Amino acid sequence: YLQMNILKPEDTAIYYCAHITYCSDYQWP
């Protein structure tokens, strides 16, 4: 899930999900 609050006009987009190699809290994106 992706809970999106306090949405702004700049959040307008097509949103996709995908399997990623890994999720790290010290590397982005």
All heavy atoms as atom14 arrays in JSON, in Angstrom:
{
  "sequence": "YLQMNILKPEDTAIYYCAHITYCSDYQWP",
  "atom14_mask": [
    [1, 1, 1, 1, 1, 1, 1, 1, 1, 1, 1, 1, 0, 0],
    [1, 1, 1, 1, 1, 1, 1, 1, 0, 0, 0, 0, 0, 0],
    [1, 1, 1, 1, 1, 1, 1, 1, 1, 0, 0, 0, 0, 0],
    [1, 1, 1, 1, 1, 1, 1, 1, 0, 0, 0, 0, 0, 0],
    [1, 1, 1, 1, 1, 1, 1, 1, 0, 0, 0, 0, 0, 0],
    [1, 1, 1, 1, 1, 1, 1, 1, 0, 0, 0, 0, 0, 0],
    [1, 1, 1, 1, 1, 1, 1, 1, 0, 0, 0, 0, 0, 0],
    [1, 1, 1, 1, 1, 1, 1, 1, 1, 0, 0, 0, 0, 0],
    [1, 1, 1, 1, 1, 1, 1, 0, 0, 0, 0, 0, 0, 0],
    [1, 1, 1, 1, 1, 1, 1, 1, 1, 0, 0, 0, 0, 0],
    [1, 1, 1, 1, 1, 1, 1, 1, 0, 0, 0, 0, 0, 0],
    [1, 1, 1, 1, 1, 1, 1, 0, 0, 0, 0, 0, 0, 0],
    [1, 1, 1, 1, 1, 0, 0, 0, 0, 0, 0, 0, 0, 0],
    [1, 1, 1, 1, 1, 1, 1, 1, 0, 0, 0, 0, 0, 0],
    [1, 1, 1, 1, 1, 1, 1, 1, 1, 1, 1, 1, 0, 0],
    [1, 1, 1, 1, 1, 1, 1, 1, 1, 1, 1, 1, 0, 0],
    [1, 1, 1, 1, 1, 1, 0, 0, 0, 0, 0, 0, 0, 0],
    [1, 1, 1, 1, 1, 0, 0, 0, 0, 0, 0, 0, 0, 0],
    [1, 1, 1, 1, 1, 1, 1, 1, 1, 1, 0, 0, 0, 0],
    [1, 1, 1, 1, 1, 1, 1, 1, 0, 0, 0, 0, 0, 0],
    [1, 1, 1, 1, 1, 1, 1, 0, 0, 0, 0, 0, 0, 0],
    [1, 1, 1, 1, 1, 1, 1, 1, 1, 1, 1, 1, 0, 0],
    [1, 1, 1, 1, 1, 1, 0, 0, 0, 0, 0, 0, 0, 0],
    [1, 1, 1, 1, 1, 1, 0, 0, 0, 0, 0, 0, 0, 0],
    [1, 1, 1, 1, 1, 1, 1, 1, 0, 0, 0, 0, 0, 0],
    [1, 1, 1, 1, 1, 1, 1, 1, 1, 1, 1, 1, 0, 0],
    [1, 1, 1, 1, 1, 1, 1, 1, 1, 0, 0, 0, 0, 0],
    [1, 1, 1, 1, 1, 1, 1, 1, 1, 1, 1, 1, 1, 1],
    [1, 1, 1, 1, 1, 1, 1, 0, 0, 0, 0, 0, 0, 0]
  ],
  "atom14_positions": [
    [[0.82, -1.2, 0.0], [0.0, 0.0, 0.0], [0.86, 1.26, 0.0], [2.0, 1.26, 0.48], [-0.9, 0.04, 1.23], [-1.77, -1.17, 1.39], [-1.41, -2.21, 2.26], [-2.97, -1.28, 0.69], [-2.22, -3.32, 2.41], [-3.78, -2.4, 0.84], [-3.4, -3.4, 1.7], [-4.2, -4.51, 1.85], [0.0, 0.0, 0.0], [0.0, 0.0, 0.0]],
    [[0.29, 2.32, -0.53], [0.89, 3.64, -0.41], [-0.2, 4.6, 0.05], [-1.1, 4.94, -0.72], [1.48, 4.11, -1.74], [2.24, 5.45, -1.66], [3.52, 5.28, -0.83], [2.59, 5.97, -3.05], [0.0, 0.0, 0.0], [0.0, 0.0, 0.0], [0.0, 0.0, 0.0], [0.0, 0.0, 0.0], [0.0, 0.0, 0.0], [0.0, 0.0, 0.0]],
    [[-0.13, 4.97, 1.32], [-1.07, 5.94, 1.88], [-0.53, 7.33, 1.6], [0.58, 7.65, 2.03], [-1.24, 5.72, 3.38], [-2.16, 6.74, 4.05], [-3.61, 6.6, 3.61], [-4.13, 5.5, 3.5], [-4.25, 7.73, 3.34], [0.0, 0.0, 0.0], [0.0, 0.0, 0.0], [0.0, 0.0, 0.0], [0.0, 0.0, 0.0], [0.0, 0.0, 0.0]],
    [[-1.3, 8.12, 0.9], [-0.86, 9.45, 0.51], [-1.76, 10.49, 1.17], [-2.96, 10.53, 0.91], [-0.92, 9.59, -1.02], [-0.15, 8.51, -1.77], [-0.06, 8.8, -3.54], [-1.79, 8.71, -3.97], [0.0, 0.0, 0.0], [0.0, 0.0, 0.0], [0.0, 0.0, 0.0], [0.0, 0.0, 0.0], [0.0, 0.0, 0.0], [0.0, 0.0, 0.0]],
    [[-1.18, 11.3, 2.03], [-1.9, 12.35, 2.74], [-1.37, 13.72, 2.34], [-0.28, 13.84, 1.79], [-1.76, 12.16, 4.25], [-2.35, 10.86, 4.75], [-3.32, 10.35, 4.18], [-1.75, 10.31, 5.79], [0.0, 0.0, 0.0], [0.0, 0.0, 0.0], [0.0, 0.0, 0.0], [0.0, 0.0, 0.0], [0.0, 0.0, 0.0], [0.0, 0.0, 0.0]],
    [[-2.15, 14.73, 2.65], [-1.78, 16.13, 2.35], [-1.31, 16.23, 0.9], [-0.23, 16.76, 0.6], [-0.7, 16.65, 3.32], [-0.97, 16.21, 4.75], [-0.66, 18.18, 3.26], [0.1, 16.58, 5.74], [0.0, 0.0, 0.0], [0.0, 0.0, 0.0], [0.0, 0.0, 0.0], [0.0, 0.0, 0.0], [0.0, 0.0, 0.0], [0.0, 0.0, 0.0]],
    [[-2.11, 15.72, 0.01], [-1.73, 15.7, -1.4], [-1.63, 17.09, -1.97], [-2.4, 18.0, -1.6], [-2.72, 14.85, -2.2], [-2.49, 13.33, -2.06], [-3.73, 12.56, -2.47], [-1.29, 12.9, -2.88], [0.0, 0.0, 0.0], [0.0, 0.0, 0.0], [0.0, 0.0, 0.0], [0.0, 0.0, 0.0], [0.0, 0.0, 0.0], [0.0, 0.0, 0.0]],
    [[-0.68, 17.25, -2.89], [-0.42, 18.53, -3.53], [-0.61, 18.37, -5.04], [-0.46, 17.27, -5.57], [1.01, 18.97, -3.24], [1.37, 19.07, -1.78], [2.83, 19.43, -1.59], [3.22, 19.52, -0.13], [4.66, 19.86, 0.04], [0.0, 0.0, 0.0], [0.0, 0.0, 0.0], [0.0, 0.0, 0.0], [0.0, 0.0, 0.0], [0.0, 0.0, 0.0]],
    [[-0.86, 19.46, -5.73], [-0.99, 19.36, -7.21], [0.23, 18.72, -7.86], [0.09, 18.0, -8.87], [-1.17, 20.81, -7.62], [-1.83, 21.47, -6.45], [-1.21, 20.8, -5.25], [0.0, 0.0, 0.0], [0.0, 0.0, 0.0], [0.0, 0.0, 0.0], [0.0, 0.0, 0.0], [0.0, 0.0, 0.0], [0.0, 0.0, 0.0], [0.0, 0.0, 0.0]],
    [[1.4, 18.94, -7.3], [2.62, 18.36, -7.89], [2.73, 16.86, -7.69], [3.63, 16.22, -8.22], [3.87, 19.06, -7.35], [3.95, 19.16, -5.84], [3.45, 20.51, -5.33], [2.41, 20.99, -5.83], [4.1, 21.04, -4.4], [0.0, 0.0, 0.0], [0.0, 0.0, 0.0], [0.0, 0.0, 0.0], [0.0, 0.0, 0.0], [0.0, 0.0, 0.0]],
    [[1.82, 16.29, -6.92], [1.77, 14.82, -6.79], [1.01, 14.18, -7.95], [0.98, 12.95, -8.06], [1.1, 14.42, -5.48], [1.89, 14.84, -4.26], [3.13, 14.69, -4.27], [1.26, 15.33, -3.28], [0.0, 0.0, 0.0], [0.0, 0.0, 0.0], [0.0, 0.0, 0.0], [0.0, 0.0, 0.0], [0.0, 0.0, 0.0], [0.0, 0.0, 0.0]],
    [[0.4, 14.99, -8.78], [-0.34, 14.47, -9.93], [0.61, 13.7, -10.85], [1.64, 14.23, -11.28], [-1.0, 15.62, -10.7], [-1.99, 16.23, -9.87], [-1.66, 15.1, -11.97], [0.0, 0.0, 0.0], [0.0, 0.0, 0.0], [0.0, 0.0, 0.0], [0.0, 0.0, 0.0], [0.0, 0.0, 0.0], [0.0, 0.0, 0.0], [0.0, 0.0, 0.0]],
    [[0.25, 12.45, -11.13], [1.1, 11.59, -11.95], [0.41, 10.24, -12.11], [-0.61, 9.97, -11.47], [2.47, 11.39, -11.29], [0.0, 0.0, 0.0], [0.0, 0.0, 0.0], [0.0, 0.0, 0.0], [0.0, 0.0, 0.0], [0.0, 0.0, 0.0], [0.0, 0.0, 0.0], [0.0, 0.0, 0.0], [0.0, 0.0, 0.0], [0.0, 0.0, 0.0]],
    [[1.0, 9.41, -12.95], [0.63, 8.0, -12.98], [1.57, 7.28, -12.03], [2.79, 7.43, -12.12], [0.72, 7.42, -14.39], [-0.23, 8.15, -15.34], [0.38, 5.92, -14.37], [-0.13, 7.72, -16.78], [0.0, 0.0, 0.0], [0.0, 0.0, 0.0], [0.0, 0.0, 0.0], [0.0, 0.0, 0.0], [0.0, 0.0, 0.0], [0.0, 0.0, 0.0]],
    [[1.0, 6.52, -11.13], [1.78, 5.82, -10.11], [1.9, 4.34, -10.48], [0.9, 3.69, -10.85], [1.12, 5.98, -8.74], [1.36, 7.34, -8.14], [0.75, 8.48, -8.67], [2.21, 7.5, -7.05], [0.99, 9.74, -8.14], [2.46, 8.75, -6.5], [1.85, 9.86, -7.05], [2.09, 11.11, -6.52], [0.0, 0.0, 0.0], [0.0, 0.0, 0.0]],
    [[3.1, 3.83, -10.36], [3.41, 2.44, -10.67], [4.09, 1.78, -9.47], [4.8, 2.44, -8.71], [4.38, 2.36, -11.84], [3.95, 3.04, -13.11], [4.2, 4.39, -13.33], [3.31, 2.31, -14.12], [3.82, 5.02, -14.51], [2.93, 2.92, -15.31], [3.19, 4.27, -15.49], [2.81, 4.87, -16.67], [0.0, 0.0, 0.0], [0.0, 0.0, 0.0]],
    [[3.89, 0.49, -9.35], [4.69, -0.27, -8.4], [5.51, -1.3, -9.18], [5.14, -1.69, -10.29], [3.81, -0.95, -7.34], [2.62, -2.16, -7.97], [0.0, 0.0, 0.0], [0.0, 0.0, 0.0], [0.0, 0.0, 0.0], [0.0, 0.0, 0.0], [0.0, 0.0, 0.0], [0.0, 0.0, 0.0], [0.0, 0.0, 0.0], [0.0, 0.0, 0.0]],
    [[6.6, -1.69, -8.59], [7.48, -2.65, -9.25], [8.34, -3.36, -8.23], [8.64, -2.81, -7.15], [8.36, -1.94, -10.29], [0.0, 0.0, 0.0], [0.0, 0.0, 0.0], [0.0, 0.0, 0.0], [0.0, 0.0, 0.0], [0.0, 0.0, 0.0], [0.0, 0.0, 0.0], [0.0, 0.0, 0.0], [0.0, 0.0, 0.0], [0.0, 0.0, 0.0]],
    [[8.76, -4.56, -8.58], [9.74, -5.28, -7.77], [11.08, -4.57, -7.96], [11.48, -4.28, -9.09], [9.79, -6.73, -8.23], [10.92, -7.51, -7.62], [11.3, -7.4, -6.3], [11.74, -8.44, -8.17], [12.31, -8.21, -6.08], [12.59, -8.86, -7.19], [0.0, 0.0, 0.0], [0.0, 0.0, 0.0], [0.0, 0.0, 0.0], [0.0, 0.0, 0.0]],
    [[11.74, -4.29, -6.87], [13.02, -3.59, -6.91], [14.13, -4.49, -6.39], [13.86, -5.51, -5.75], [12.97, -2.28, -6.1], [12.55, -2.56, -4.65], [12.03, -1.28, -6.76], [12.57, -1.35, -3.74], [0.0, 0.0, 0.0], [0.0, 0.0, 0.0], [0.0, 0.0, 0.0], [0.0, 0.0, 0.0], [0.0, 0.0, 0.0], [0.0, 0.0, 0.0]],
    [[15.36, -4.12, -6.66], [16.47, -4.97, -6.22], [16.54, -5.04, -4.7], [16.7, -6.11, -4.12], [17.8, -4.43, -6.78], [17.91, -3.04, -6.43], [17.83, -4.57, -8.3], [0.0, 0.0, 0.0], [0.0, 0.0, 0.0], [0.0, 0.0, 0.0], [0.0, 0.0, 0.0], [0.0, 0.0, 0.0], [0.0, 0.0, 0.0], [0.0, 0.0, 0.0]],
    [[16.41, -3.9, -4.03], [16.33, -3.88, -2.58], [15.9, -2.49, -2.14], [15.99, -1.53, -2.91], [17.66, -4.24, -1.92], [18.82, -3.34, -2.27], [19.11, -2.21, -1.51], [19.63, -3.62, -3.37], [20.17, -1.38, -1.83], [20.68, -2.79, -3.7], [20.95, -1.68, -2.94], [22.01, -0.86, -3.27], [0.0, 0.0, 0.0], [0.0, 0.0, 0.0]],
    [[15.42, -2.38, -0.93], [15.06, -1.09, -0.33], [16.03, -0.82, 0.8], [16.13, -1.61, 1.75], [13.62, -1.11, 0.19], [13.1, 0.48, 0.89], [0.0, 0.0, 0.0], [0.0, 0.0, 0.0], [0.0, 0.0, 0.0], [0.0, 0.0, 0.0], [0.0, 0.0, 0.0], [0.0, 0.0, 0.0], [0.0, 0.0, 0.0], [0.0, 0.0, 0.0]],
    [[16.72, 0.3, 0.7], [17.72, 0.66, 1.71], [17.38, 2.03, 2.28], [16.86, 2.9, 1.57], [19.1, 0.71, 1.04], [20.04, 1.34, 1.88], [0.0, 0.0, 0.0], [0.0, 0.0, 0.0], [0.0, 0.0, 0.0], [0.0, 0.0, 0.0], [0.0, 0.0, 0.0], [0.0, 0.0, 0.0], [0.0, 0.0, 0.0], [0.0, 0.0, 0.0]],
    [[17.7, 2.21, 3.54], [17.46, 3.53, 4.13], [18.67, 4.45, 3.97], [18.68, 5.56, 4.5], [17.05, 3.43, 5.59], [18.02, 2.62, 6.42], [19.12, 2.33, 5.92], [17.68, 2.29, 7.57], [0.0, 0.0, 0.0], [0.0, 0.0, 0.0], [0.0, 0.0, 0.0], [0.0, 0.0, 0.0], [0.0, 0.0, 0.0], [0.0, 0.0, 0.0]],
    [[19.68, 4.0, 3.22], [20.83, 4.88, 2.99], [21.13, 5.04, 1.51], [22.14, 5.65, 1.14], [22.07, 4.35, 3.72], [22.48, 2.96, 3.34], [23.26, 2.71, 2.22], [22.09, 1.87, 4.11], [23.63, 1.42, 1.87], [22.45, 0.59, 3.77], [23.22, 0.36, 2.65], [23.58, -0.92, 2.3], [0.0, 0.0, 0.0], [0.0, 0.0, 0.0]],
    [[20.27, 4.52, 0.65], [20.46, 4.69, -0.79], [19.12, 5.02, -1.44], [18.1, 4.39, -1.15], [21.03, 3.42, -1.42], [21.25, 3.54, -2.93], [21.91, 2.33, -3.52], [22.76, 1.71, -2.87], [21.54, 1.96, -4.73], [0.0, 0.0, 0.0], [0.0, 0.0, 0.0], [0.0, 0.0, 0.0], [0.0, 0.0, 0.0], [0.0, 0.0, 0.0]],
    [[19.18, 5.98, -2.3], [17.97, 6.42, -3.02], [18.4, 6.89, -4.41], [19.43, 7.55, -4.54], [17.27, 7.55, -2.27], [15.96, 7.89, -2.88], [15.68, 8.91, -3.74], [14.74, 7.16, -2.7], [14.37, 8.86, -4.1], [13.77, 7.8, -3.49], [14.4, 6.03, -1.97], [12.45, 7.35, -3.54], [13.09, 5.59, -2.03], [12.13, 6.24, -2.8]],
    [[17.64, 6.67, -5.45], [16.36, 5.97, -5.49], [16.55, 4.46, -5.63], [17.65, 4.0, -5.92], [15.71, 6.56, -6.75], [16.87, 6.85, -7.66], [17.99, 7.27, -6.76], [0.0, 0.0, 0.0], [0.0, 0.0, 0.0], [0.0, 0.0, 0.0], [0.0, 0.0, 0.0], [0.0, 0.0, 0.0], [0.0, 0.0, 0.0], [0.0, 0.0, 0.0]]
  ]
}
